[in-house]
N, C-alpha and C. Protein backbone atom coordinates (compact mmCIF):
# COMPACT_ATOMS: atom_id res chain seq x y z
N MET A 1 18.62 113.25 -0.94
CA MET A 1 19.88 113.12 -0.20
C MET A 1 20.09 111.68 0.27
N MET A 2 19.07 111.06 0.79
CA MET A 2 19.17 109.69 1.27
C MET A 2 19.57 108.74 0.14
N LYS A 3 19.11 109.03 -1.07
CA LYS A 3 19.43 108.21 -2.23
C LYS A 3 20.94 108.18 -2.46
N ASN A 4 21.61 109.34 -2.36
CA ASN A 4 23.06 109.41 -2.55
C ASN A 4 23.80 108.59 -1.51
N ILE A 5 23.34 108.61 -0.27
CA ILE A 5 23.98 107.83 0.78
C ILE A 5 23.88 106.35 0.45
N ASN A 6 22.71 105.90 -0.01
CA ASN A 6 22.54 104.50 -0.37
C ASN A 6 23.41 104.11 -1.56
N ILE A 7 23.52 105.00 -2.55
CA ILE A 7 24.37 104.73 -3.70
C ILE A 7 25.82 104.59 -3.25
N GLU A 8 26.28 105.51 -2.40
CA GLU A 8 27.65 105.45 -1.89
C GLU A 8 27.88 104.16 -1.10
N LYS A 9 26.90 103.79 -0.28
CA LYS A 9 27.00 102.58 0.52
C LYS A 9 27.06 101.36 -0.40
N ASP A 10 26.20 101.33 -1.42
CA ASP A 10 26.21 100.22 -2.37
C ASP A 10 27.55 100.11 -3.09
N LEU A 11 28.12 101.25 -3.46
CA LEU A 11 29.44 101.25 -4.12
C LEU A 11 30.52 100.74 -3.17
N LEU A 12 30.45 101.15 -1.90
CA LEU A 12 31.43 100.70 -0.91
C LEU A 12 31.31 99.19 -0.70
N ILE A 13 30.09 98.69 -0.59
CA ILE A 13 29.87 97.26 -0.42
C ILE A 13 30.45 96.49 -1.62
N LYS A 14 30.18 96.99 -2.81
CA LYS A 14 30.68 96.33 -4.03
C LYS A 14 32.21 96.35 -4.05
N GLU A 15 32.79 97.49 -3.73
CA GLU A 15 34.25 97.61 -3.73
C GLU A 15 34.88 96.69 -2.69
N ILE A 16 34.30 96.64 -1.50
CA ILE A 16 34.83 95.77 -0.45
C ILE A 16 34.74 94.31 -0.88
N SER A 17 33.60 93.91 -1.44
CA SER A 17 33.43 92.53 -1.90
C SER A 17 34.48 92.16 -2.94
N GLU A 18 34.67 93.04 -3.91
CA GLU A 18 35.65 92.78 -4.97
C GLU A 18 37.07 92.72 -4.41
N LYS A 19 37.38 93.61 -3.48
CA LYS A 19 38.73 93.64 -2.89
C LYS A 19 38.98 92.38 -2.06
N ILE A 20 37.97 91.91 -1.35
CA ILE A 20 38.12 90.68 -0.56
C ILE A 20 38.42 89.51 -1.48
N ARG A 21 37.71 89.42 -2.59
CA ARG A 21 37.97 88.34 -3.57
C ARG A 21 39.40 88.43 -4.11
N GLU A 22 39.82 89.66 -4.42
CA GLU A 22 41.18 89.87 -4.94
C GLU A 22 42.23 89.47 -3.90
N ILE A 23 42.04 89.88 -2.66
CA ILE A 23 42.98 89.55 -1.59
C ILE A 23 43.04 88.04 -1.39
N ARG A 24 41.89 87.38 -1.40
CA ARG A 24 41.85 85.93 -1.22
C ARG A 24 42.60 85.22 -2.35
N ARG A 25 42.47 85.73 -3.57
CA ARG A 25 43.21 85.14 -4.70
C ARG A 25 44.72 85.33 -4.49
N GLU A 26 45.11 86.54 -4.07
CA GLU A 26 46.54 86.82 -3.83
C GLU A 26 47.12 85.90 -2.75
N LEU A 27 46.30 85.54 -1.78
CA LEU A 27 46.74 84.68 -0.68
C LEU A 27 46.56 83.19 -1.00
N ASP A 28 46.15 82.89 -2.23
CA ASP A 28 45.90 81.51 -2.67
C ASP A 28 44.81 80.83 -1.84
N LEU A 29 43.80 81.58 -1.48
CA LEU A 29 42.67 81.03 -0.72
C LEU A 29 41.53 80.73 -1.68
N LYS A 30 40.67 79.85 -1.24
CA LYS A 30 39.52 79.43 -2.05
C LYS A 30 38.64 80.62 -2.41
N ASP A 31 38.20 80.66 -3.67
CA ASP A 31 37.27 81.69 -4.12
C ASP A 31 35.86 81.25 -3.75
N VAL A 32 35.21 81.99 -2.88
CA VAL A 32 33.87 81.61 -2.42
C VAL A 32 32.90 82.76 -2.63
N ASN A 33 31.63 82.40 -2.74
CA ASN A 33 30.59 83.44 -2.83
C ASN A 33 30.48 84.11 -1.47
N LEU A 34 30.33 85.41 -1.51
CA LEU A 34 30.29 86.20 -0.29
C LEU A 34 29.17 87.21 -0.41
N GLU A 35 28.38 87.34 0.65
CA GLU A 35 27.30 88.32 0.62
C GLU A 35 27.45 89.31 1.77
N ILE A 36 27.80 90.54 1.42
CA ILE A 36 27.85 91.62 2.40
C ILE A 36 26.49 92.30 2.35
N LEU A 37 25.78 92.30 3.46
CA LEU A 37 24.43 92.87 3.51
C LEU A 37 24.43 94.36 3.79
N ASP A 38 25.41 94.80 4.60
CA ASP A 38 25.40 96.21 4.99
C ASP A 38 26.80 96.59 5.49
N VAL A 39 27.08 97.87 5.43
CA VAL A 39 28.27 98.43 6.06
C VAL A 39 27.83 99.65 6.86
N GLU A 40 28.59 99.93 7.89
CA GLU A 40 28.27 101.07 8.75
C GLU A 40 29.59 101.73 9.12
N VAL A 41 29.69 103.03 8.94
CA VAL A 41 30.90 103.76 9.29
C VAL A 41 30.57 104.63 10.50
N ILE A 42 31.35 104.46 11.56
CA ILE A 42 31.13 105.20 12.80
C ILE A 42 32.43 105.93 13.15
N TYR A 43 32.32 107.22 13.40
CA TYR A 43 33.48 108.02 13.79
C TYR A 43 33.44 108.18 15.30
N GLU A 44 34.48 107.65 15.98
CA GLU A 44 34.55 107.70 17.43
C GLU A 44 35.89 108.29 17.84
N GLY A 45 35.88 109.57 18.17
CA GLY A 45 37.14 110.22 18.54
C GLY A 45 38.10 110.22 17.38
N LYS A 46 39.28 109.64 17.60
CA LYS A 46 40.30 109.58 16.54
C LYS A 46 40.18 108.31 15.71
N ASP A 47 39.23 107.47 16.04
CA ASP A 47 39.07 106.19 15.33
C ASP A 47 37.89 106.24 14.37
N THR A 48 38.02 105.50 13.29
CA THR A 48 36.90 105.24 12.40
C THR A 48 36.62 103.75 12.46
N LEU A 49 35.38 103.40 12.79
CA LEU A 49 34.98 102.00 12.84
C LEU A 49 34.20 101.67 11.58
N LEU A 50 34.65 100.68 10.86
CA LEU A 50 33.93 100.19 9.68
C LEU A 50 33.35 98.84 10.05
N ASN A 51 32.05 98.80 10.22
CA ASN A 51 31.36 97.56 10.52
C ASN A 51 30.87 96.95 9.23
N ILE A 52 31.26 95.71 8.98
CA ILE A 52 30.84 94.98 7.80
C ILE A 52 29.91 93.87 8.27
N TYR A 53 28.68 93.88 7.76
CA TYR A 53 27.69 92.89 8.15
C TYR A 53 27.45 91.92 7.01
N VAL A 54 27.66 90.63 7.29
CA VAL A 54 27.52 89.58 6.29
C VAL A 54 26.35 88.68 6.63
N LEU A 55 25.98 87.82 5.69
CA LEU A 55 24.80 86.98 5.86
C LEU A 55 25.03 85.84 6.85
N THR A 56 26.15 85.14 6.72
CA THR A 56 26.37 83.94 7.54
C THR A 56 27.72 84.01 8.25
N ARG A 57 27.89 83.09 9.19
CA ARG A 57 29.19 83.01 9.88
C ARG A 57 30.28 82.51 8.94
N SER A 58 29.90 81.74 7.93
CA SER A 58 30.88 81.33 6.91
C SER A 58 31.38 82.55 6.16
N ASP A 59 30.46 83.47 5.83
CA ASP A 59 30.86 84.72 5.17
C ASP A 59 31.79 85.52 6.07
N LYS A 60 31.50 85.51 7.37
CA LYS A 60 32.34 86.23 8.33
C LYS A 60 33.76 85.67 8.30
N SER A 61 33.88 84.34 8.29
CA SER A 61 35.19 83.69 8.22
C SER A 61 35.89 84.01 6.91
N THR A 62 35.12 84.10 5.83
CA THR A 62 35.68 84.43 4.52
C THR A 62 36.29 85.83 4.54
N VAL A 63 35.59 86.78 5.14
CA VAL A 63 36.08 88.16 5.20
C VAL A 63 37.30 88.28 6.10
N ILE A 64 37.28 87.61 7.23
CA ILE A 64 38.40 87.69 8.17
C ILE A 64 39.62 86.96 7.62
N GLY A 65 39.40 85.76 7.09
CA GLY A 65 40.49 84.96 6.54
C GLY A 65 41.32 84.32 7.64
N PRO A 66 42.17 83.36 7.26
CA PRO A 66 42.99 82.68 8.26
C PRO A 66 43.95 83.65 8.95
N GLY A 67 43.91 83.65 10.26
CA GLY A 67 44.79 84.53 11.02
C GLY A 67 44.50 86.01 10.84
N GLY A 68 43.33 86.34 10.27
CA GLY A 68 42.97 87.73 10.07
C GLY A 68 43.66 88.39 8.88
N TRP A 69 44.30 87.58 8.02
CA TRP A 69 45.07 88.12 6.90
C TRP A 69 44.21 88.90 5.92
N VAL A 70 43.04 88.40 5.60
CA VAL A 70 42.20 89.06 4.59
C VAL A 70 41.72 90.41 5.10
N VAL A 71 41.14 90.43 6.29
CA VAL A 71 40.64 91.70 6.83
C VAL A 71 41.79 92.66 7.11
N GLY A 72 42.95 92.14 7.47
CA GLY A 72 44.12 92.99 7.69
C GLY A 72 44.56 93.70 6.42
N ARG A 73 44.58 92.95 5.33
CA ARG A 73 44.95 93.57 4.04
C ARG A 73 43.86 94.52 3.56
N LEU A 74 42.60 94.18 3.84
CA LEU A 74 41.50 95.08 3.48
C LEU A 74 41.66 96.40 4.23
N ARG A 75 42.02 96.33 5.50
CA ARG A 75 42.24 97.55 6.30
C ARG A 75 43.36 98.39 5.69
N GLU A 76 44.45 97.76 5.30
CA GLU A 76 45.56 98.49 4.68
C GLU A 76 45.11 99.18 3.40
N TYR A 77 44.26 98.52 2.63
CA TYR A 77 43.76 99.07 1.38
C TYR A 77 42.85 100.28 1.63
N LEU A 78 42.02 100.21 2.68
CA LEU A 78 41.01 101.25 2.93
C LEU A 78 41.47 102.37 3.87
N LYS A 79 42.54 102.17 4.61
CA LYS A 79 42.87 103.08 5.73
C LYS A 79 43.04 104.55 5.34
N ASP A 80 43.51 104.83 4.14
CA ASP A 80 43.72 106.23 3.75
C ASP A 80 42.43 106.92 3.31
N ARG A 81 41.35 106.17 3.22
CA ARG A 81 40.07 106.75 2.79
C ARG A 81 39.22 107.24 3.95
N PHE A 82 39.65 106.94 5.16
CA PHE A 82 38.89 107.33 6.34
C PHE A 82 39.80 108.09 7.30
N PRO A 83 39.24 109.05 8.05
CA PRO A 83 40.07 109.79 9.00
C PRO A 83 40.46 108.93 10.20
N GLY A 84 41.60 109.22 10.78
CA GLY A 84 42.03 108.54 12.00
C GLY A 84 42.44 107.11 11.76
N ASP A 85 42.41 106.34 12.83
CA ASP A 85 42.80 104.94 12.80
C ASP A 85 41.60 104.10 12.41
N LEU A 86 41.68 103.39 11.29
CA LEU A 86 40.57 102.57 10.81
C LEU A 86 40.58 101.22 11.52
N LYS A 87 39.43 100.88 12.10
CA LYS A 87 39.23 99.57 12.72
C LYS A 87 38.06 98.92 12.00
N ILE A 88 38.22 97.65 11.66
CA ILE A 88 37.17 96.94 10.94
C ILE A 88 36.60 95.85 11.82
N LEU A 89 35.28 95.83 11.95
CA LEU A 89 34.56 94.80 12.67
C LEU A 89 33.72 94.04 11.65
N VAL A 90 33.79 92.73 11.68
CA VAL A 90 32.98 91.90 10.79
C VAL A 90 32.02 91.10 11.65
N ASP A 91 30.74 91.15 11.32
CA ASP A 91 29.74 90.43 12.09
C ASP A 91 28.62 89.98 11.17
N THR A 92 27.84 89.02 11.65
CA THR A 92 26.68 88.60 10.87
C THR A 92 25.55 89.58 11.12
N TYR A 93 24.71 89.72 10.15
CA TYR A 93 23.60 90.66 10.26
C TYR A 93 22.66 90.27 11.40
N ILE A 94 22.43 88.97 11.57
CA ILE A 94 21.53 88.52 12.64
C ILE A 94 22.12 88.85 14.01
N ASP A 95 23.45 88.74 14.16
CA ASP A 95 24.07 89.12 15.44
C ASP A 95 23.91 90.62 15.70
N ARG A 96 23.94 91.40 14.62
CA ARG A 96 23.71 92.85 14.74
C ARG A 96 22.29 93.11 15.26
N LEU A 97 21.31 92.40 14.69
CA LEU A 97 19.93 92.59 15.12
C LEU A 97 19.74 92.18 16.57
N ILE A 98 20.37 91.07 16.96
CA ILE A 98 20.27 90.61 18.35
C ILE A 98 20.87 91.65 19.29
N LEU A 99 22.03 92.18 18.94
CA LEU A 99 22.68 93.20 19.78
C LEU A 99 21.81 94.44 19.90
N LYS A 100 21.24 94.90 18.79
CA LYS A 100 20.36 96.08 18.84
C LYS A 100 19.17 95.83 19.75
N LYS A 101 18.60 94.63 19.68
CA LYS A 101 17.45 94.29 20.53
C LYS A 101 17.87 94.31 22.00
N LYS A 102 19.05 93.78 22.31
CA LYS A 102 19.54 93.79 23.69
C LYS A 102 19.79 95.22 24.16
N GLU A 103 20.33 96.06 23.27
CA GLU A 103 20.55 97.46 23.63
C GLU A 103 19.22 98.15 23.92
N GLU A 104 18.21 97.89 23.09
CA GLU A 104 16.89 98.49 23.30
C GLU A 104 16.32 98.06 24.65
N ARG A 105 16.45 96.76 24.98
CA ARG A 105 15.94 96.27 26.26
C ARG A 105 16.70 96.89 27.43
N ALA A 106 18.02 97.00 27.30
CA ALA A 106 18.83 97.60 28.36
C ALA A 106 18.43 99.05 28.57
N LEU A 107 18.27 99.79 27.48
CA LEU A 107 17.87 101.20 27.57
C LEU A 107 16.49 101.33 28.19
N SER A 108 15.59 100.45 27.81
CA SER A 108 14.24 100.46 28.37
C SER A 108 14.27 100.21 29.87
N THR A 109 15.10 99.26 30.29
CA THR A 109 15.24 98.96 31.72
C THR A 109 15.78 100.16 32.48
N LEU A 110 16.80 100.80 31.91
CA LEU A 110 17.39 101.98 32.57
C LEU A 110 16.38 103.12 32.68
N LYS A 111 15.60 103.31 31.62
CA LYS A 111 14.57 104.35 31.67
C LYS A 111 13.50 104.02 32.69
N SER A 112 13.15 102.73 32.81
CA SER A 112 12.09 102.34 33.74
C SER A 112 12.48 102.55 35.20
N ILE A 113 13.79 102.54 35.49
CA ILE A 113 14.23 102.80 36.87
C ILE A 113 14.68 104.24 37.05
N SER A 114 14.38 105.07 36.06
CA SER A 114 14.67 106.51 36.09
C SER A 114 16.16 106.82 36.27
N LEU A 115 17.01 106.01 35.68
CA LEU A 115 18.44 106.27 35.74
C LEU A 115 18.77 107.44 34.83
N LYS A 116 19.57 108.34 35.34
CA LYS A 116 19.95 109.52 34.56
C LYS A 116 21.39 109.38 34.07
N LYS A 117 21.69 110.05 32.96
CA LYS A 117 23.04 110.00 32.39
C LYS A 117 24.05 110.46 33.43
N GLY A 118 25.13 109.72 33.57
CA GLY A 118 26.17 110.07 34.52
C GLY A 118 26.06 109.32 35.84
N GLU A 119 24.89 108.76 36.13
CA GLU A 119 24.74 107.99 37.37
C GLU A 119 25.46 106.66 37.22
N ARG A 120 26.02 106.19 38.31
CA ARG A 120 26.75 104.92 38.28
C ARG A 120 25.81 103.76 38.62
N ILE A 121 26.06 102.65 37.92
CA ILE A 121 25.29 101.44 38.21
C ILE A 121 26.25 100.25 38.24
N LEU A 122 25.84 99.18 38.87
CA LEU A 122 26.59 97.94 38.88
C LEU A 122 26.00 97.04 37.81
N VAL A 123 26.85 96.50 36.94
CA VAL A 123 26.38 95.65 35.85
C VAL A 123 26.99 94.27 36.00
N LEU A 124 26.15 93.24 35.96
CA LEU A 124 26.61 91.87 35.98
C LEU A 124 26.69 91.38 34.54
N VAL A 125 27.89 91.03 34.10
CA VAL A 125 28.08 90.53 32.74
C VAL A 125 27.96 89.01 32.80
N GLN A 126 26.94 88.49 32.11
CA GLN A 126 26.66 87.06 32.17
C GLN A 126 27.41 86.26 31.12
N CYS A 127 27.63 86.84 29.97
CA CYS A 127 28.35 86.12 28.92
C CYS A 127 28.96 87.13 27.96
N SER A 128 29.76 86.63 27.02
CA SER A 128 30.47 87.53 26.11
C SER A 128 29.52 88.39 25.29
N TYR A 129 28.31 87.90 25.01
CA TYR A 129 27.37 88.68 24.22
C TYR A 129 26.92 89.94 24.95
N ASP A 130 26.99 89.94 26.28
CA ASP A 130 26.60 91.11 27.05
C ASP A 130 27.63 92.23 26.98
N LEU A 131 28.84 91.92 26.53
CA LEU A 131 29.89 92.94 26.48
C LEU A 131 29.53 94.07 25.52
N GLY A 132 28.84 93.76 24.43
CA GLY A 132 28.40 94.79 23.49
C GLY A 132 27.43 95.74 24.15
N VAL A 133 26.54 95.21 24.97
CA VAL A 133 25.58 96.04 25.69
C VAL A 133 26.33 96.92 26.70
N LEU A 134 27.37 96.38 27.31
CA LEU A 134 28.16 97.15 28.27
C LEU A 134 28.81 98.35 27.58
N ASP A 135 29.35 98.16 26.38
CA ASP A 135 29.91 99.29 25.61
C ASP A 135 28.83 100.32 25.33
N PHE A 136 27.64 99.86 24.98
CA PHE A 136 26.52 100.76 24.70
C PHE A 136 26.17 101.58 25.94
N LEU A 137 26.16 100.94 27.10
CA LEU A 137 25.80 101.63 28.34
C LEU A 137 26.84 102.69 28.71
N ARG A 138 28.09 102.44 28.37
CA ARG A 138 29.14 103.41 28.68
C ARG A 138 28.94 104.71 27.93
N ARG A 139 28.37 104.63 26.71
CA ARG A 139 28.14 105.83 25.91
C ARG A 139 26.99 106.58 26.49
């Protein structure tokens, strides 16, 4: 079963990569090498979140395109394939790993003070990178 999921994911990555190249050509943008390392589909209420993880920040800029045109057209192309409102997030794989590590540390801290689900806490947000952890804590 896991093999099928990986095959589907590999096909989705390939399709997204090819579509991004096609969109960039249509917009008369430079054809560049792009490496998508992973995709993640998350269903949240009425929304579907498609997270695209790329190797570098240059790849991230390539996927987003000037003014968000490339990712916007990609969303239009993919929106009927997913339930609800499709939202696409593009990030570097290393930023994903950093965020997961911060989430693990935050969860560990909460467990160490015996915080239970539903209890309220005061959170000091130090920088924009902490906002992802704040979303995690809300869940």
